[in-house]
Protein backbone atom coordinates (compact mmCIF):
# COMPACT_ATOMS: atom_id res chain seq x y z
CA MET A 1 -5.80 -3.68 -31.91
CA LEU A 2 -4.98 -2.80 -28.29
CA ALA A 3 -3.74 0.69 -27.55
CA GLU A 4 0.02 1.15 -27.37
CA SER A 5 -0.10 2.18 -23.69
CA TYR A 6 -2.61 3.28 -21.10
CA LEU A 7 -2.61 7.05 -20.70
CA HIS A 8 -3.12 7.89 -17.03
CA THR A 9 -5.76 10.63 -16.76
CA LEU A 10 -7.39 9.53 -13.49
CA SER A 11 -8.24 12.16 -10.90
CA PRO A 12 -7.24 11.54 -7.27
CA PHE A 13 -10.61 13.02 -6.27
CA LEU A 14 -13.98 11.33 -6.30
CA LEU A 15 -15.38 14.75 -5.42
CA ARG A 16 -13.28 17.93 -5.46
CA ILE A 17 -14.69 20.70 -3.28
CA SER A 18 -12.03 23.38 -3.72
CA GLY A 19 -8.35 23.28 -4.59
CA GLU A 20 -6.80 20.36 -2.75
CA ILE A 21 -9.86 19.82 -0.57
CA GLY A 22 -12.29 17.06 -1.47
CA LEU A 23 -13.14 13.40 -1.22
CA ARG A 24 -10.08 11.47 -2.38
CA TRP A 25 -9.87 7.89 -3.61
CA TYR A 26 -6.82 7.44 -1.37
CA GLY A 27 -8.82 8.12 1.78
CA LEU A 28 -11.72 5.99 0.56
CA ALA A 29 -9.31 3.10 -0.05
CA TYR A 30 -8.14 3.24 3.56
CA LEU A 31 -11.71 3.50 4.83
CA ALA A 32 -12.84 0.53 2.74
CA GLY A 33 -9.81 -1.49 3.90
CA PHE A 34 -10.67 -0.82 7.54
CA VAL A 35 -14.34 -1.71 7.01
CA LEU A 36 -13.45 -5.00 5.31
CA ALA A 37 -10.89 -5.86 7.98
CA GLY A 38 -13.46 -5.14 10.69
CA HIS A 39 -16.05 -7.32 8.98
CA ILE A 40 -13.64 -10.25 8.61
CA MET A 41 -12.42 -9.91 12.19
CA ALA A 42 -15.94 -9.69 13.61
CA LYS A 43 -17.02 -12.73 11.61
CA LEU A 44 -14.13 -14.83 12.90
CA VAL A 45 -14.78 -13.83 16.51
CA LYS A 46 -18.57 -14.09 16.49
CA THR A 47 -18.59 -17.52 14.81
CA GLY A 48 -16.16 -18.93 17.37
CA ARG A 49 -13.32 -19.26 14.88
CA SER A 50 -11.21 -16.96 17.04
CA PRO A 51 -10.27 -17.77 20.65
CA LEU A 52 -10.94 -14.12 21.51
CA ALA A 53 -14.62 -15.10 21.57
CA ARG A 54 -14.16 -16.79 24.95
CA GLN A 55 -12.57 -13.60 26.32
CA ASN A 56 -15.75 -11.61 25.55
CA ILE A 57 -13.63 -9.07 23.69
CA ASP A 58 -15.39 -6.76 21.27
CA PRO A 59 -13.57 -7.08 17.93
CA GLY A 60 -14.45 -3.43 17.29
CA SER A 61 -12.12 -2.35 20.08
CA LEU A 62 -9.27 -4.35 18.54
CA LEU A 63 -10.00 -2.87 15.13
CA THR A 64 -9.96 0.67 16.54
CA SER A 65 -6.51 0.07 18.03
CA LEU A 66 -5.23 -1.36 14.75
CA VAL A 67 -6.64 1.52 12.69
CA ILE A 68 -4.81 4.04 14.87
CA GLY A 69 -1.65 1.95 14.60
CA VAL A 70 -1.88 1.81 10.79
CA ILE A 71 -2.45 5.55 10.36
CA VAL A 72 0.10 6.79 12.90
CA GLY A 73 2.69 4.12 12.06
CA GLY A 74 2.20 4.49 8.31
CA ARG A 75 2.71 8.23 8.39
CA LEU A 76 5.64 8.18 10.82
CA GLY A 77 7.19 5.34 8.83
CA PHE A 78 6.93 7.40 5.64
CA ALA A 79 8.71 10.26 7.40
CA LEU A 80 11.42 8.16 9.04
CA PHE A 81 12.10 5.76 6.17
CA TYR A 82 11.60 7.99 3.11
CA GLN A 83 11.07 11.73 3.70
CA PRO A 84 12.31 12.90 7.13
CA GLN A 85 11.91 16.54 6.06
CA VAL A 86 8.14 16.34 6.63
CA LEU A 87 8.87 16.20 10.37
CA TRP A 88 10.14 19.79 10.35
CA THR A 89 8.16 21.25 7.45
CA PHE A 90 5.42 23.71 8.40
CA GLY A 91 3.05 25.78 6.28
CA SER A 92 0.58 28.63 6.59
CA SER A 93 -2.51 26.60 5.68
CA PHE A 94 -4.28 23.70 7.37
CA PRO A 95 -3.06 21.27 8.68
CA PHE A 96 0.02 23.53 9.09
CA TRP A 97 2.41 20.66 9.96
CA GLU A 98 3.37 18.52 6.96
CA ILE A 99 3.39 15.29 8.97
CA LEU A 100 -0.38 15.73 9.39
CA ALA A 101 -1.05 16.25 5.67
CA ILE A 102 -1.98 12.62 5.01
CA HIS A 103 -4.53 13.79 2.41
CA LYS A 104 -1.56 14.30 0.07
CA GLY A 105 -0.59 10.65 0.36
CA GLY A 106 2.64 9.41 1.85
CA MET A 107 2.06 6.31 3.94
CA ALA A 108 4.65 3.56 4.37
CA SER A 109 3.31 0.01 4.53
CA HIS A 110 6.26 -1.12 6.66
CA GLY A 111 5.60 1.75 9.06
CA GLY A 112 1.93 0.78 9.19
CA MET A 113 2.90 -2.77 10.14
CA LEU A 114 5.14 -1.49 12.93
CA GLY A 115 2.24 0.68 14.06
CA VAL A 116 -0.01 -2.38 14.14
CA LEU A 117 2.61 -4.15 16.27
CA VAL A 118 2.63 -1.32 18.81
CA ALA A 119 -1.17 -1.05 18.80
CA SER A 120 -1.51 -4.81 19.28
CA ALA A 121 0.89 -4.71 22.24
CA TRP A 122 -1.18 -1.95 23.83
CA PHE A 123 -4.42 -3.89 23.23
CA VAL A 124 -2.93 -7.05 24.73
CA GLN A 125 -1.73 -5.23 27.84
CA LYS A 126 -5.06 -3.43 28.28
CA ASN A 127 -7.05 -6.68 28.08
CA LYS A 128 -4.48 -8.76 30.03
CA LEU A 129 -4.30 -11.47 27.37
CA ASP A 130 -2.01 -14.49 27.75
CA LEU A 131 0.83 -15.31 25.37
CA TYR A 132 -1.26 -17.52 23.08
CA ASP A 133 -4.02 -14.94 22.67
CA THR A 134 -1.34 -12.32 22.10
CA LEU A 135 0.04 -14.34 19.20
CA HIS A 136 -3.50 -14.87 17.91
CA VAL A 137 -4.01 -11.09 17.78
CA ALA A 138 -1.01 -10.98 15.43
CA ASP A 139 -2.69 -13.68 13.32
CA LEU A 140 -5.94 -11.70 13.12
CA ALA A 141 -4.20 -8.45 12.22
CA SER A 142 -2.15 -10.14 9.48
CA PHE A 143 -5.06 -12.11 8.05
CA CYS A 144 -7.32 -9.05 7.84
CA ALA A 145 -4.67 -6.73 6.37
CA THR A 146 -4.68 -7.96 2.77
CA PRO A 147 -7.83 -6.10 1.56
CA GLY A 148 -6.36 -2.83 2.80
CA LEU A 149 -2.99 -3.52 1.15
CA PHE A 150 -4.76 -4.26 -2.13
CA LEU A 151 -6.92 -1.14 -2.05
CA GLY A 152 -4.00 1.04 -0.94
CA ARG A 153 -1.97 0.01 -3.98
CA LEU A 154 -4.92 0.73 -6.26
CA ALA A 155 -5.10 4.19 -4.69
CA ASN A 156 -1.37 4.65 -5.42
CA PHE A 157 -2.16 3.97 -9.07
CA VAL A 158 -5.06 6.44 -9.11
CA ASN A 159 -2.79 9.04 -7.50
CA ALA A 160 -0.13 8.40 -10.20
CA GLU A 161 2.52 7.82 -7.53
CA LEU A 162 5.17 5.14 -6.93
CA TRP A 163 5.84 4.72 -10.64
CA GLY A 164 7.29 1.59 -12.14
CA GLU A 165 10.53 1.36 -14.07
CA PRO A 166 10.51 2.52 -17.72
CA VAL A 167 9.64 -0.18 -20.25
CA ALA A 168 12.37 -0.63 -22.85
CA THR A 169 10.28 -2.65 -25.31
CA LEU A 170 9.27 -0.85 -28.53
CA PRO A 171 6.54 -0.41 -29.46
CA ALA A 172 5.35 0.04 -25.90
CA PRO A 173 3.21 -2.91 -24.72
CA TRP A 174 -0.51 -2.35 -24.07
CA TRP A 175 -0.12 -2.95 -20.34
CA SER A 176 2.40 -0.14 -19.84
CA VAL A 177 1.36 3.24 -18.41
CA LYS A 178 2.16 6.78 -19.51
CA TYR A 179 1.87 9.75 -17.14
CA PRO A 180 1.13 13.25 -18.54
CA ASN A 181 2.90 14.90 -15.59
CA GLU A 182 6.18 14.06 -17.34
CA MET A 183 5.65 16.97 -19.73
CA LEU A 184 5.20 19.68 -17.05
CA PRO A 185 8.38 21.72 -16.43
CA GLY A 186 9.03 22.16 -12.72
CA HIS A 187 6.75 19.28 -11.72
CA PRO A 188 8.36 16.69 -9.37
CA ASP A 189 7.66 14.00 -12.00
CA SER A 190 8.79 15.97 -15.05
CA VAL A 191 11.32 14.48 -17.46
CA SER A 192 13.44 17.10 -19.23
CA SER A 193 13.62 15.22 -22.53
CA VAL A 194 9.83 14.82 -22.62
CA VAL A 195 9.31 18.50 -21.73
CA SER A 196 11.50 19.59 -24.65
CA ASP A 197 9.95 17.08 -27.09
CA VAL A 198 6.41 18.24 -26.28
CA ALA A 199 7.46 21.89 -26.59
CA ALA A 200 8.91 21.14 -30.01
CA ALA A 201 5.82 19.21 -31.13
CA ILE A 202 3.38 21.98 -30.09
CA PRO A 203 5.54 25.15 -30.01
CA ASN A 204 2.87 27.83 -29.76
CA GLU A 205 1.11 26.66 -26.61
CA SER A 206 2.10 26.49 -22.94
CA ALA A 207 2.86 23.16 -21.28
CA SER A 208 0.03 23.63 -18.76
CA SER A 209 -2.48 24.26 -21.55
CA ILE A 210 -1.30 21.21 -23.49
CA HIS A 211 -1.45 19.13 -20.31
CA ALA A 212 -5.02 20.26 -19.60
CA LYS A 213 -6.15 19.35 -23.12
CA LEU A 214 -4.41 15.98 -22.84
CA ILE A 215 -6.22 15.19 -19.60
CA GLU A 216 -9.53 16.30 -21.11
CA GLY A 217 -9.01 13.92 -24.05
CA ASP A 218 -8.44 16.35 -26.91
CA PRO A 219 -7.78 13.93 -29.81
CA ILE A 220 -5.31 16.16 -31.66
CA VAL A 221 -3.21 16.82 -28.55
CA ARG A 222 -3.48 13.19 -27.49
CA ASP A 223 -2.18 11.94 -30.85
CA ALA A 224 0.68 14.43 -30.79
CA VAL A 225 1.80 14.07 -27.17
CA THR A 226 1.12 10.46 -26.14
CA PRO A 227 3.88 8.97 -28.37
CA LEU A 228 6.38 11.32 -26.70
CA LEU A 229 5.65 10.09 -23.16
CA THR A 230 7.64 7.31 -21.49
CA PRO A 231 5.95 3.93 -20.96
CA TYR A 232 6.32 2.55 -17.42
CA TRP A 233 5.62 -0.73 -15.68
CA PRO A 234 2.26 -0.65 -13.81
CA SER A 235 4.08 -1.48 -10.58
CA GLN A 236 1.22 -0.28 -8.37
CA LEU A 237 -1.19 -2.77 -9.96
CA ILE A 238 1.37 -5.58 -9.81
CA GLN A 239 1.94 -4.92 -6.12
CA ALA A 240 -1.81 -4.67 -5.52
CA LEU A 241 -2.33 -8.17 -6.92
CA ALA A 242 0.65 -9.60 -5.06
CA GLU A 243 -0.08 -8.03 -1.66
CA GLY A 244 -3.84 -8.47 -1.93
CA PRO A 245 -5.40 -11.53 -3.66
CA LEU A 246 -2.20 -13.59 -3.91
CA LEU A 247 -1.14 -13.11 -0.29
CA ALA A 248 -4.75 -13.53 0.92
CA THR A 249 -5.02 -16.85 -0.93
CA VAL A 250 -1.84 -18.17 0.71
CA LEU A 251 -3.08 -17.16 4.18
CA CYS A 252 -6.54 -18.64 3.59
CA ILE A 253 -5.05 -21.98 2.55
CA ALA A 254 -2.69 -21.94 5.52
CA TRP A 255 -5.46 -21.13 8.02
CA TRP A 256 -7.99 -23.60 6.59
CA ARG A 257 -7.52 -25.56 9.81
CA PRO A 258 -6.39 -24.31 13.26
CA LYS A 259 -2.70 -23.46 13.52
CA ARG A 260 -0.25 -22.65 16.28
CA PRO A 261 -0.97 -19.12 17.56
CA GLY A 262 1.36 -16.76 15.72
CA MET A 263 1.84 -19.00 12.69
CA ILE A 264 -0.34 -16.89 10.36
CA GLY A 265 1.40 -13.72 11.49
CA ALA A 266 4.80 -15.32 10.86
CA LEU A 267 3.67 -16.65 7.47
CA PHE A 268 2.43 -13.17 6.54
CA LEU A 269 5.89 -11.74 7.21
CA CYS A 270 7.64 -14.58 5.37
CA CYS A 271 5.39 -14.21 2.30
CA TYR A 272 4.95 -10.43 2.15
CA GLY A 273 8.71 -9.89 2.26
CA PRO A 274 9.60 -11.97 -0.84
CA LEU A 275 6.58 -10.65 -2.74
CA ARG A 276 7.72 -7.10 -2.02
CA LEU A 277 11.29 -7.95 -2.99
CA LEU A 278 10.11 -9.31 -6.35
CA THR A 279 7.61 -6.60 -7.21
CA GLU A 280 10.04 -3.80 -6.30
CA MET A 281 12.20 -4.99 -9.19
CA VAL A 282 9.80 -3.24 -11.59
CA ARG A 283 9.27 -0.17 -9.36
CA GLN A 284 11.46 2.90 -9.31
CA PRO A 285 13.41 3.51 -6.09
CA ASP A 286 12.16 6.39 -3.98
CA VAL A 287 13.60 9.75 -5.01
CA GLY A 288 16.68 10.77 -3.07
CA ILE A 289 17.19 7.38 -1.42
CA ASP A 290 20.21 5.39 -2.57
CA ARG A 291 20.14 1.63 -2.85
CA THR A 292 21.86 -0.42 -0.14
CA PHE A 293 23.57 -3.63 -1.30
CA GLY A 294 21.63 -3.17 -4.53
CA LEU A 295 18.29 -3.10 -2.68
CA SER A 296 15.76 -0.26 -2.50
CA ARG A 297 14.62 0.96 0.92
CA GLY A 298 11.38 -1.03 0.59
CA GLN A 299 13.29 -4.21 -0.31
CA LEU A 300 15.72 -3.74 2.58
CA LEU A 301 12.86 -3.37 5.05
CA SER A 302 11.22 -6.46 3.54
CA VAL A 303 14.35 -8.51 4.22
CA GLY A 304 13.97 -7.53 7.86
CA MET A 305 10.35 -8.70 7.76
CA VAL A 306 11.36 -12.12 6.44
CA LEU A 307 13.97 -12.50 9.18
CA ALA A 308 11.39 -11.52 11.81
CA GLY A 309 8.93 -14.05 10.37
CA ILE A 310 11.52 -16.84 10.48
CA LEU A 311 12.43 -16.03 14.09
CA MET A 312 8.74 -16.04 14.98
CA MET A 313 8.24 -19.47 13.40
CA VAL A 314 11.23 -20.85 15.30
CA ALA A 315 9.91 -19.44 18.58
CA ILE A 316 6.45 -21.04 18.25
CA ARG A 317 7.46 -24.32 16.60
CA LYS A 318 6.93 -26.39 19.77
CA SER A 319 3.62 -24.84 20.79
CA PRO A 320 1.04 -27.59 21.51
CA ARG A 321 -1.98 -25.36 20.92
CA ARG A 322 -3.98 -24.94 17.72
CA GLU A 323 -6.25 -21.91 17.39
CA GLY A 324 -8.47 -20.18 14.87
CA GLY A 325 -8.97 -21.51 11.37
CA LEU A 326 -11.56 -20.77 8.70
CA PHE A 327 -13.02 -24.26 8.96
CA PRO A 328 -12.01 -25.77 12.30
CA PRO A 329 -13.22 -29.36 12.87
CA SER A 330 -15.83 -28.27 15.41
CA ASN A 331 -17.55 -26.14 12.76
CA LEU A 332 -17.80 -28.87 10.13
């Protein structure tokens, strides 16, 4: 029989050096996303599937601009949209300014997309590209983004962040997730009822000691504590599948043949927005941020993305040109 729930005991570190310093899965996810995006972009350009090939533009230079846009935009977006206090929070240890502490997580996908927009505009101006090539840059950036979105959501799951909504079904379904941090008093993710239940179940031991044994897999502690934890939707994994393979499949089908420059970028916005709206239904709203018109901050920003995508489609609807494509007729 399948286990009642998955107990999350994953470490955010692939290799911990000391304290909070080490090689984190979160950073590796971003690195892998950039490498995959660069490979896809280079392949499209070098095989003539991208009109940038005739401009003799090195796809590596475009990727570098986009990477900077993702990192800077993602972090600033997190601060502006979700936790503005990191802009004025300083500490006594490196990196001293909280906005620079990206190793702790805290990147907003919507902010990253805005950063990509700014970086693309800078790249276009630097290389003096025309309007059609400018729109094609948006297509490339959108098409190559899905591996990074997928890996980023997986890293969110490993980090045990961006939890889903509690699952009301009893017994808890096998696909639900339980987080041991619930039982730690004073922890940002602690739940008071769980803290008291665990203390009552194992009265002669500290919460930190019980937590450590639970993470290490002590069978007695596991059997006593796991039933007391709350089962949650695996929202990170659901969003990973939606924003990665599902969205990539839609874009691949759409770009099977050359399309109007900007169409893939517009389709990305029009598809990502609804997918985010749907998947956020099983994800908890960000702490301290009230819903607006019943929508979480992420859903509200996604509505804006859909509107931008629709406007973009309207603007390019009469374009006579067809560019790009995974299998353009000339390559058959």
